[in-house]
N, C-alpha and C. Protein backbone atom coordinates (compact mmCIF):
# COMPACT_ATOMS: atom_id res chain seq x y z
N UNK A 1 0.80 -1.14 0.05
CA UNK A 1 -0.04 0.21 -0.11
C UNK A 1 1.14 1.03 0.03
N UNK A 2 0.63 2.42 -0.77
CA UNK A 2 1.41 3.53 -1.04
C UNK A 2 0.31 4.82 -0.43
N UNK A 3 1.12 5.58 -0.25
CA UNK A 3 0.57 6.76 0.24
C UNK A 3 0.65 7.81 -1.06
N UNK A 4 -0.01 8.72 -1.27
CA UNK A 4 -0.03 9.14 -2.29
C UNK A 4 0.16 10.92 -2.67
N UNK A 5 0.44 11.49 -3.49
CA UNK A 5 0.13 12.99 -3.23
C UNK A 5 -0.67 13.55 -2.74
N UNK A 6 -2.25 12.91 -2.86
CA UNK A 6 -3.54 13.12 -2.56
C UNK A 6 -3.46 12.79 -0.92
N UNK A 7 -3.12 12.15 -0.40
CA UNK A 7 -2.53 11.79 1.24
C UNK A 7 -2.02 13.24 1.91
N UNK A 8 -0.65 13.22 1.08
CA UNK A 8 -0.08 14.80 1.50
C UNK A 8 -0.66 15.83 1.34
N UNK A 9 -1.44 16.28 0.24
CA UNK A 9 -2.19 17.55 0.12
C UNK A 9 -3.61 17.40 1.39
N UNK A 10 -4.00 16.49 1.78
CA UNK A 10 -4.68 16.37 2.67
C UNK A 10 -4.81 16.55 3.82
N UNK A 11 -3.38 15.95 4.56
CA UNK A 11 -2.76 16.25 5.90
C UNK A 11 -2.37 17.58 5.91
N UNK A 12 -1.83 18.47 4.96
CA UNK A 12 -1.62 20.12 5.09
C UNK A 12 -2.62 20.72 5.07
N UNK A 13 -3.83 20.61 4.67
CA UNK A 13 -5.05 20.59 4.48
C UNK A 13 -5.89 20.70 6.28
N UNK A 14 -5.32 19.23 6.65
CA UNK A 14 -5.92 18.86 8.08
C UNK A 14 -5.11 19.75 9.14
N UNK A 15 -3.43 19.80 9.03
CA UNK A 15 -2.87 20.32 9.50
C UNK A 15 -3.11 22.27 9.60
N UNK A 16 -3.12 22.69 8.33
CA UNK A 16 -4.06 24.33 8.49
C UNK A 16 -5.26 24.48 9.06
N UNK A 17 -6.19 23.40 9.55
CA UNK A 17 -7.29 23.13 10.17
C UNK A 17 -7.06 23.06 11.48
N UNK A 18 -6.41 22.47 12.02
CA UNK A 18 -5.81 22.55 13.39
C UNK A 18 -5.04 23.17 14.20
N UNK A 19 -4.50 24.25 13.17
CA UNK A 19 -3.16 25.22 13.69
C UNK A 19 -3.37 26.28 13.20
N UNK A 20 -4.67 26.58 12.04
CA UNK A 20 -4.95 28.07 11.46
C UNK A 20 -3.84 28.00 10.13
N UNK A 21 -4.56 29.29 9.33
CA UNK A 21 -3.30 29.47 8.56
C UNK A 21 -3.74 28.61 6.97
N UNK A 22 -3.20 28.46 6.16
CA UNK A 22 -3.25 27.74 5.06
C UNK A 22 -2.98 26.75 4.81
N UNK A 23 -3.35 25.85 3.85
CA UNK A 23 -2.33 24.77 3.77
C UNK A 23 -1.07 24.89 3.11
N UNK A 24 -1.23 26.30 2.29
CA UNK A 24 0.64 26.57 1.99
C UNK A 24 1.54 26.79 2.73
N UNK A 25 0.96 27.51 4.07
CA UNK A 25 1.72 28.47 5.05
C UNK A 25 2.27 26.60 5.89
N UNK A 26 1.08 25.91 5.98
CA UNK A 26 1.69 24.62 6.58
C UNK A 26 2.50 24.17 5.81
N UNK A 27 2.17 23.87 4.68
CA UNK A 27 3.81 23.26 3.60
C UNK A 27 4.96 23.73 3.95
N UNK A 28 4.85 25.37 4.41
CA UNK A 28 6.49 25.67 4.71
C UNK A 28 6.72 25.85 6.00
N UNK A 29 5.69 25.66 6.90
CA UNK A 29 6.29 25.48 8.66
C UNK A 29 7.14 23.70 8.70
N UNK A 30 5.80 22.94 7.90
CA UNK A 30 5.98 21.33 8.57
C UNK A 30 6.78 20.35 7.38
N UNK A 31 7.40 19.16 7.55
CA UNK A 31 7.05 18.56 6.96
C UNK A 31 7.10 16.90 7.38
N UNK A 32 7.01 15.94 6.22
CA UNK A 32 6.47 15.15 6.76
C UNK A 32 7.41 14.07 6.18
N UNK A 33 7.14 12.76 7.29
CA UNK A 33 7.44 11.54 6.92
C UNK A 33 6.86 10.44 6.87
N UNK A 34 6.69 9.76 6.01
CA UNK A 34 6.11 8.29 5.91
C UNK A 34 6.45 7.48 7.10
N UNK A 35 5.10 6.98 7.49
CA UNK A 35 5.51 6.51 8.85
C UNK A 35 4.07 5.25 9.35
N UNK A 36 4.55 4.35 9.82
CA UNK A 36 3.83 3.30 10.34
C UNK A 36 3.32 3.11 12.06
N UNK A 37 2.55 3.67 12.53
CA UNK A 37 2.06 2.72 13.82
C UNK A 37 1.65 1.76 13.97
N UNK A 38 2.29 0.60 15.04
CA UNK A 38 1.26 -0.63 14.98
C UNK A 38 0.79 -0.84 16.33
N UNK A 39 0.02 -1.51 16.29
CA UNK A 39 -0.65 -1.99 17.86
C UNK A 39 -1.25 -3.86 17.57
N UNK A 40 -0.39 -4.31 18.22
CA UNK A 40 -0.35 -5.93 17.80
C UNK A 40 -1.19 -6.39 19.55
N UNK A 41 -2.25 -7.26 19.28
CA UNK A 41 -2.99 -8.02 20.31
C UNK A 41 -2.45 -9.31 19.91
N UNK A 42 -0.93 -9.58 20.07
CA UNK A 42 -0.85 -10.89 20.26
C UNK A 42 0.31 -11.45 21.43
N UNK A 43 0.00 -12.62 21.78
CA UNK A 43 0.84 -13.33 23.07
C UNK A 43 1.63 -12.56 23.51
N UNK A 44 1.75 -11.66 24.54
CA UNK A 44 0.91 -12.59 25.75
C UNK A 44 -0.35 -11.43 25.91
N UNK A 45 -0.27 -10.24 24.83
CA UNK A 45 -1.53 -9.62 24.87
C UNK A 45 -2.67 -10.09 23.74
N UNK A 46 -2.99 -11.19 23.14
CA UNK A 46 -3.69 -11.27 22.55
C UNK A 46 -5.16 -11.35 22.99
N UNK A 47 -6.01 -11.04 21.67
CA UNK A 47 -7.42 -11.02 22.44
C UNK A 47 -8.04 -12.13 22.77
N UNK A 48 -8.13 -12.33 24.30
CA UNK A 48 -9.31 -13.82 24.78
C UNK A 48 -10.49 -13.49 24.05
N UNK A 49 -10.92 -15.21 24.19
CA UNK A 49 -11.74 -14.78 23.77
C UNK A 49 -13.52 -14.56 24.96
N UNK A 50 -14.06 -13.90 24.19
CA UNK A 50 -15.20 -13.04 24.88
C UNK A 50 -14.48 -11.97 25.87
N UNK A 51 -13.36 -11.17 25.76
CA UNK A 51 -12.71 -10.63 26.01
C UNK A 51 -12.66 -9.48 25.45
N UNK A 52 -12.44 -8.15 26.60
CA UNK A 52 -11.93 -6.86 26.01
C UNK A 52 -10.59 -6.58 26.70
N UNK A 53 -9.68 -5.71 25.63
CA UNK A 53 -8.75 -5.55 25.49
C UNK A 53 -8.04 -4.07 25.05
N UNK A 54 -7.17 -3.31 26.25
CA UNK A 54 -6.64 -1.51 25.29
C UNK A 54 -5.25 -2.02 25.35
N UNK A 55 -4.81 -1.63 24.21
CA UNK A 55 -3.49 -1.59 23.79
C UNK A 55 -3.22 0.40 23.07
N UNK A 56 -2.20 1.00 23.30
CA UNK A 56 -2.22 2.17 22.57
C UNK A 56 -0.48 1.98 21.86
N UNK A 57 -0.66 3.42 21.16
CA UNK A 57 0.80 3.79 20.72
C UNK A 57 1.10 5.14 21.18
N UNK A 58 2.30 5.53 21.45
CA UNK A 58 3.02 6.78 21.59
C UNK A 58 3.48 7.54 20.56
N UNK A 59 2.89 8.78 20.13
CA UNK A 59 3.29 10.01 19.43
C UNK A 59 4.41 10.42 20.00
N UNK A 60 5.64 10.35 19.37
CA UNK A 60 6.48 10.71 20.55
C UNK A 60 6.59 12.42 20.53
N UNK A 61 7.86 12.72 21.37
CA UNK A 61 7.49 14.20 21.48
C UNK A 61 8.41 15.37 20.18
N UNK A 62 8.49 14.59 19.66
CA UNK A 62 9.78 15.63 18.73
C UNK A 62 8.72 15.69 17.03
N UNK A 63 7.52 14.83 17.32
CA UNK A 63 6.57 15.20 16.02
C UNK A 63 5.10 14.83 16.32
N UNK A 64 4.22 15.64 15.49
CA UNK A 64 2.73 15.01 15.51
C UNK A 64 2.74 13.83 14.65
N UNK A 65 1.47 13.19 14.49
CA UNK A 65 1.20 11.95 13.70
C UNK A 65 -0.18 12.00 12.79
N UNK A 66 -0.52 12.05 11.41
CA UNK A 66 -1.55 11.85 10.96
C UNK A 66 -1.55 10.96 10.42
N UNK A 67 -3.15 10.34 10.51
CA UNK A 67 -3.33 8.79 10.16
C UNK A 67 -4.52 8.93 8.94
N UNK A 68 -3.84 8.26 8.10
CA UNK A 68 -4.54 8.64 6.53
C UNK A 68 -5.19 7.35 6.00
N UNK A 69 -4.74 5.87 6.66
CA UNK A 69 -5.12 4.67 5.84
C UNK A 69 -4.99 4.04 7.37
N UNK A 70 -5.60 2.89 7.56
CA UNK A 70 -5.72 1.96 8.39
C UNK A 70 -6.11 0.22 7.83
N UNK A 71 -5.04 -0.71 8.20
CA UNK A 71 -5.14 -1.86 7.65
C UNK A 71 -5.25 -2.57 9.00
N UNK A 72 -5.58 -4.09 9.16
CA UNK A 72 -5.66 -5.32 10.11
C UNK A 72 -5.36 -6.26 9.38
N UNK A 73 -5.20 -7.38 10.40
CA UNK A 73 -5.30 -8.87 9.93
C UNK A 73 -5.72 -9.49 11.32
N UNK A 74 -6.36 -10.47 11.67
CA UNK A 74 -6.69 -11.38 12.26
C UNK A 74 -5.95 -12.90 12.07
N UNK A 75 -5.78 -13.39 13.28
CA UNK A 75 -5.14 -14.91 12.94
C UNK A 75 -5.45 -15.77 14.63
N UNK A 76 -5.59 -17.03 14.32
CA UNK A 76 -5.48 -18.03 15.26
C UNK A 76 -4.40 -17.62 16.65
N UNK A 77 -4.26 -18.02 17.69
CA UNK A 77 -3.35 -18.01 18.35
C UNK A 77 -1.61 -18.54 17.90
N UNK A 78 -2.01 -19.17 17.42
CA UNK A 78 -1.09 -19.92 16.74
C UNK A 78 -0.67 -19.45 15.42
N UNK A 79 -0.80 -18.20 15.10
CA UNK A 79 -1.15 -17.15 13.88
C UNK A 79 -1.18 -18.31 12.61
N UNK A 80 -2.18 -18.58 12.65
CA UNK A 80 -2.80 -19.30 11.39
C UNK A 80 -3.92 -18.42 10.94
N UNK A 81 -4.41 -18.44 9.78
CA UNK A 81 -5.28 -17.75 9.16
C UNK A 81 -6.36 -18.24 9.49
N UNK A 82 -7.48 -17.35 9.87
CA UNK A 82 -8.45 -18.43 10.22
C UNK A 82 -9.80 -18.18 8.95
N UNK A 83 -9.98 -19.03 8.53
CA UNK A 83 -10.57 -19.00 7.15
C UNK A 83 -11.82 -18.21 7.13
N UNK A 84 -12.82 -18.22 7.73
CA UNK A 84 -14.01 -17.47 8.01
C UNK A 84 -13.95 -15.89 8.25
N UNK A 85 -12.77 -15.64 8.91
CA UNK A 85 -12.25 -14.67 9.53
C UNK A 85 -11.80 -13.78 8.70
N UNK A 86 -11.38 -13.59 7.89
CA UNK A 86 -10.71 -12.84 6.93
C UNK A 86 -11.30 -11.26 6.70
N UNK A 87 -10.58 -10.41 6.49
CA UNK A 87 -11.45 -8.91 6.38
C UNK A 87 -12.13 -9.17 5.19
N UNK A 88 -12.84 -8.48 5.33
CA UNK A 88 -13.50 -8.72 3.75
C UNK A 88 -13.05 -7.58 3.14
N UNK A 89 -13.04 -7.98 1.74
CA UNK A 89 -11.72 -7.54 0.50
C UNK A 89 -10.87 -7.85 0.61
N UNK A 90 -10.54 -9.25 1.49
CA UNK A 90 -9.11 -9.83 1.29
C UNK A 90 -9.06 -10.53 0.21
N UNK A 91 -9.99 -11.25 -0.44
CA UNK A 91 -9.86 -11.78 -1.51
C UNK A 91 -10.32 -13.45 -0.92
N UNK A 92 -10.25 -13.80 0.33
CA UNK A 92 -10.26 -15.11 0.85
C UNK A 92 -12.14 -15.19 1.19
N UNK A 93 -12.69 -16.02 1.30
CA UNK A 93 -13.72 -16.46 1.75
C UNK A 93 -14.28 -15.30 3.05
N UNK A 94 -15.15 -14.67 2.99
CA UNK A 94 -14.86 -14.10 4.45
C UNK A 94 -16.09 -14.05 5.11
N UNK A 95 -16.40 -13.59 6.13
CA UNK A 95 -18.00 -13.39 6.87
C UNK A 95 -17.46 -12.45 7.93
N UNK A 96 -18.60 -11.86 9.12
CA UNK A 96 -18.43 -10.55 10.31
C UNK A 96 -17.44 -11.01 10.77
N UNK A 97 -16.14 -10.04 11.06
CA UNK A 97 -15.26 -10.73 12.13
C UNK A 97 -15.87 -10.16 13.41
N UNK A 98 -16.06 -11.09 14.46
CA UNK A 98 -16.25 -10.57 15.66
C UNK A 98 -16.06 -9.94 16.66
N UNK A 99 -15.11 -8.71 16.17
CA UNK A 99 -14.27 -8.14 17.24
C UNK A 99 -15.04 -6.65 16.97
N UNK A 100 -14.89 -5.98 17.86
CA UNK A 100 -15.90 -4.52 17.68
C UNK A 100 -14.34 -3.38 18.69
N UNK A 101 -14.59 -2.46 17.90
CA UNK A 101 -13.22 -1.52 18.61
C UNK A 101 -13.80 -0.20 18.95
N UNK A 102 -13.27 0.47 19.76
CA UNK A 102 -13.01 1.80 20.06
C UNK A 102 -11.48 2.46 20.09
N UNK A 103 -11.79 3.64 19.44
CA UNK A 103 -10.60 4.72 19.35
C UNK A 103 -10.88 5.76 19.86
N UNK A 104 -9.50 5.94 20.76
CA UNK A 104 -9.63 7.27 21.37
C UNK A 104 -8.19 8.18 21.61
N UNK A 105 -8.25 9.37 21.02
CA UNK A 105 -6.96 10.32 20.70
C UNK A 105 -7.01 11.06 22.29
N UNK A 106 -5.92 10.88 23.04
CA UNK A 106 -5.43 11.33 24.58
C UNK A 106 -5.44 13.03 24.07
N UNK A 107 -4.60 13.20 23.08
CA UNK A 107 -4.59 14.16 22.73
C UNK A 107 -5.41 15.55 22.55
N UNK A 108 -6.09 15.21 22.12
CA UNK A 108 -7.51 15.96 22.06
C UNK A 108 -8.48 15.60 23.23
N UNK A 109 -8.32 14.12 23.67
CA UNK A 109 -9.49 14.02 24.87
C UNK A 109 -10.44 13.60 24.20
N UNK A 110 -10.53 12.69 22.71
CA UNK A 110 -11.92 13.11 22.34
C UNK A 110 -12.10 11.24 22.04
N UNK A 111 -12.94 10.87 21.59
CA UNK A 111 -13.46 9.15 21.40
C UNK A 111 -13.53 9.51 19.97
N UNK A 112 -13.19 8.89 19.31
CA UNK A 112 -13.84 8.46 17.45
C UNK A 112 -15.10 7.96 17.61
N UNK A 113 -15.82 8.05 18.66
CA UNK A 113 -17.50 7.32 18.44
C UNK A 113 -17.98 7.02 19.38
N UNK A 114 -19.16 7.09 19.43
CA UNK A 114 -19.62 7.32 20.69
C UNK A 114 -20.07 5.75 21.19
N UNK A 115 -20.19 4.35 19.94
CA UNK A 115 -20.17 3.49 21.01
C UNK A 115 -18.96 2.49 19.96
N UNK A 116 -18.76 1.55 20.91
CA UNK A 116 -17.88 0.68 19.54
C UNK A 116 -18.30 0.16 18.34
N UNK A 117 -17.78 -0.16 17.57
CA UNK A 117 -18.18 -0.36 16.01
C UNK A 117 -17.50 -1.57 15.78
N UNK A 118 -17.80 -2.40 14.78
CA UNK A 118 -17.20 -3.66 13.93
C UNK A 118 -15.65 -2.83 13.74
N UNK A 119 -14.78 -3.81 13.71
CA UNK A 119 -13.67 -3.50 13.12
C UNK A 119 -13.51 -2.93 11.62
N UNK A 120 -14.23 -3.46 10.94
CA UNK A 120 -14.20 -3.33 9.55
C UNK A 120 -14.80 -1.79 9.33
N UNK A 121 -15.42 -1.41 10.42
CA UNK A 121 -15.55 0.69 9.71
C UNK A 121 -14.40 1.06 9.54
N UNK A 122 -13.38 0.94 10.68
CA UNK A 122 -12.15 1.67 10.83
C UNK A 122 -11.12 0.78 10.15
N UNK A 123 -10.78 -0.28 9.67
CA UNK A 123 -9.58 -1.18 9.18
C UNK A 123 -9.61 -1.79 8.16
N UNK A 124 -9.00 -1.86 7.25
CA UNK A 124 -9.33 -2.90 5.86
C UNK A 124 -7.55 -3.64 5.74
N UNK A 125 -7.92 -4.19 4.25
CA UNK A 125 -6.98 -4.94 4.60
C UNK A 125 -5.69 -4.00 3.55
N UNK A 126 -4.61 -4.88 3.45
CA UNK A 126 -3.47 -4.39 2.77
C UNK A 126 -3.68 -4.14 1.12
N UNK A 127 -4.37 -5.08 1.13
CA UNK A 127 -4.95 -4.73 -0.24
C UNK A 127 -5.87 -3.65 -0.64
N UNK A 128 -6.77 -3.80 0.35
CA UNK A 128 -7.60 -2.19 0.30
C UNK A 128 -7.92 -1.99 1.81
N UNK A 129 -6.78 -1.11 2.04
CA UNK A 129 -7.08 -0.21 3.12
C UNK A 129 -7.96 0.43 3.74
N UNK A 130 -8.64 1.13 4.66
CA UNK A 130 -9.67 1.43 5.08
C UNK A 130 -8.80 3.27 5.29
N UNK A 131 -9.32 3.95 4.12
CA UNK A 131 -9.18 5.59 3.58
C UNK A 131 -9.63 6.27 4.81
N UNK A 132 -9.05 6.84 5.74
CA UNK A 132 -9.64 7.83 6.11
C UNK A 132 -9.99 9.20 5.79
N UNK A 133 -11.19 9.84 5.34
CA UNK A 133 -11.76 10.77 4.34
C UNK A 133 -10.67 12.02 4.80
N UNK A 134 -10.56 12.30 6.38
CA UNK A 134 -9.75 13.51 6.70
C UNK A 134 -8.76 12.88 7.64
N UNK A 135 -7.48 12.99 7.41
CA UNK A 135 -6.82 12.44 8.14
C UNK A 135 -6.96 13.06 9.74
N UNK A 136 -6.10 11.82 10.27
CA UNK A 136 -6.44 12.65 12.14
C UNK A 136 -5.31 12.79 12.57
N UNK A 137 -5.19 14.20 12.89
CA UNK A 137 -4.00 14.47 13.28
C UNK A 137 -3.95 14.29 14.82
N UNK A 138 -2.56 13.49 14.89
CA UNK A 138 -2.54 13.42 16.81
C UNK A 138 -1.56 14.52 17.52
N UNK A 139 -1.71 15.05 18.31
CA UNK A 139 -0.64 15.82 18.60
C UNK A 139 0.70 15.35 19.19
N UNK A 140 1.60 16.12 19.15
CA UNK A 140 3.02 15.49 20.08
C UNK A 140 2.23 14.87 21.01
N UNK A 141 3.85 13.75 21.67
CA UNK A 141 3.62 13.04 22.82
C UNK A 141 2.02 12.86 23.63
N UNK A 142 1.61 12.73 22.70
CA UNK A 142 -0.18 11.90 23.02
C UNK A 142 0.06 10.41 22.61
N UNK A 143 -1.30 9.88 23.30
CA UNK A 143 -1.06 8.47 23.04
C UNK A 143 -2.46 8.00 22.60
N UNK A 144 -2.48 7.25 21.40
CA UNK A 144 -3.20 6.90 21.00
C UNK A 144 -4.27 5.63 21.49
N UNK A 145 -5.22 5.34 22.00
CA UNK A 145 -5.67 4.32 22.45
C UNK A 145 -7.02 3.39 21.83
N UNK A 146 -6.43 1.95 21.39
CA UNK A 146 -7.51 1.07 21.23
C UNK A 146 -7.83 0.08 21.62
N UNK A 147 -9.32 -0.24 21.91
CA UNK A 147 -9.97 -1.29 22.73
C UNK A 147 -10.69 -1.87 21.80
N UNK A 148 -10.14 -3.06 21.93
CA UNK A 148 -10.79 -4.25 21.10
C UNK A 148 -11.83 -5.20 21.94
N UNK A 149 -12.84 -5.81 21.26
CA UNK A 149 -13.97 -6.59 22.30
C UNK A 149 -14.06 -7.24 21.33
N UNK A 150 -13.70 -8.54 21.79
CA UNK A 150 -13.40 -10.26 21.11
C UNK A 150 -15.37 -10.52 21.71
N UNK A 151 -16.26 -10.60 20.51
CA UNK A 151 -17.56 -10.96 20.54
C UNK A 151 -17.76 -12.44 20.21
N UNK A 152 -16.55 -13.51 20.09
CA UNK A 152 -16.42 -14.80 19.72
C UNK A 152 -15.71 -15.51 20.82
N UNK A 153 -16.15 -16.60 20.95
CA UNK A 153 -15.71 -17.44 21.98
C UNK A 153 -14.24 -18.25 21.76
N UNK A 154 -13.47 -17.69 20.90
CA UNK A 154 -11.87 -18.21 20.45
C UNK A 154 -11.09 -16.98 20.57
N UNK A 155 -9.89 -17.41 21.41
CA UNK A 155 -9.04 -16.26 21.29
C UNK A 155 -8.32 -15.83 19.77
N UNK A 156 -7.95 -14.44 19.33
CA UNK A 156 -6.86 -14.17 18.28
C UNK A 156 -6.27 -13.18 18.51
N UNK A 157 -5.37 -13.55 17.97
CA UNK A 157 -4.19 -12.21 17.74
C UNK A 157 -4.31 -11.48 16.64
N UNK A 158 -4.81 -10.26 16.91
CA UNK A 158 -5.31 -8.95 16.04
C UNK A 158 -3.91 -7.96 16.07
N UNK A 159 -3.55 -7.90 14.76
CA UNK A 159 -2.57 -6.89 14.41
C UNK A 159 -3.30 -6.00 13.84
N UNK A 160 -2.90 -4.32 14.24
CA UNK A 160 -3.44 -2.92 13.62
C UNK A 160 -2.43 -2.14 13.63
N UNK A 161 -2.29 -1.56 11.84
CA UNK A 161 -1.72 -0.81 11.33
C UNK A 161 -2.03 0.65 11.15
N UNK A 162 -1.28 1.73 11.42
CA UNK A 162 -2.07 2.92 11.43
C UNK A 162 -0.72 3.62 10.59
N UNK A 163 -1.56 3.73 9.28
CA UNK A 163 -0.58 4.28 7.96
C UNK A 163 -0.51 6.44 8.07
N UNK A 164 0.52 6.75 7.88
CA UNK A 164 0.50 7.96 7.58
C UNK A 164 1.56 8.49 7.66
N UNK A 165 2.11 10.16 8.26
CA UNK A 165 3.18 10.81 8.13
C UNK A 165 3.19 11.42 9.96
N UNK A 166 4.61 10.95 9.86
CA UNK A 166 5.05 11.91 11.17
C UNK A 166 5.17 13.29 10.54
N UNK A 167 4.46 14.20 11.36
CA UNK A 167 5.01 15.47 11.05
C UNK A 167 5.97 16.67 11.86
N UNK A 168 6.69 16.66 11.22
CA UNK A 168 7.94 17.80 11.95
C UNK A 168 8.31 19.03 11.62
N UNK A 169 9.06 19.49 12.54
CA UNK A 169 8.83 20.85 12.59
C UNK A 169 8.93 21.54 13.90
N UNK A 170 8.51 23.18 14.34
CA UNK A 170 8.76 23.83 15.12
C UNK A 170 7.84 23.20 16.35
N UNK A 171 8.08 22.45 17.25
CA UNK A 171 7.20 21.50 18.01
C UNK A 171 6.51 22.84 18.99
N UNK A 172 7.71 23.59 19.73
CA UNK A 172 6.72 24.63 20.21
C UNK A 172 5.60 25.58 19.37
N UNK A 173 6.32 25.61 18.33
CA UNK A 173 5.14 26.33 17.62
C UNK A 173 3.45 25.65 17.36
N UNK A 174 3.82 24.72 17.25
CA UNK A 174 2.75 23.69 17.14
C UNK A 174 2.00 23.92 18.30
N UNK A 175 2.39 23.86 19.82
CA UNK A 175 1.89 23.53 20.92
C UNK A 175 1.23 25.17 20.92
N UNK A 176 2.23 26.18 20.90
CA UNK A 176 1.43 27.61 21.00
C UNK A 176 0.24 27.67 19.92
N UNK A 177 0.35 27.43 18.58
CA UNK A 177 -0.78 27.60 17.68
C UNK A 177 -1.86 26.91 18.27
N UNK A 178 -1.84 25.70 18.82
CA UNK A 178 -2.73 24.30 19.18
C UNK A 178 -3.20 24.62 20.67
N UNK A 179 -2.32 25.57 21.49
CA UNK A 179 -2.76 25.55 22.72
C UNK A 179 -2.78 24.34 23.63
N UNK A 180 -1.50 23.31 23.04
CA UNK A 180 -1.11 22.09 23.43
C UNK A 180 -0.20 22.35 24.64
N UNK A 181 -0.34 21.62 25.83
CA UNK A 181 0.71 21.85 26.92
C UNK A 181 1.21 20.26 26.94
């Protein structure tokens, strides 16, 4: 999966919206570096049968991060594919993946939904990633939290990938323009 010039344009629009100014101004003040954050619900943190689990990733203090696309895989605890649980669009026979998800951005203090939603609502496959219509910009030094709930009576390994860009520049300016401490 590749990130495109459309992604870059959308990220600069999102930065401008977040911090004020124009996208052209954002392009002069900030630069982007492709990056993927991952959260892996695997041994010893596998998603137990009929259980709920929360894991996080930390956006480092030297940059912000913009989520543009998301993907996931699901396997049994031996890391074997589960034939009937392949994500929609994977090309394999698929059915509903009995996992629901909640996403929370600690930087803004906002949940991204009012209730947990099916995992396919936020995550696609490597062949068909879930495109975010507007990049989600995460502040420097913030924690992004993902809670999964397994609705099935079987434990799974679930791997999540958040594809996007690290946003580099004057972080003190970011904080002052965004009123972040």
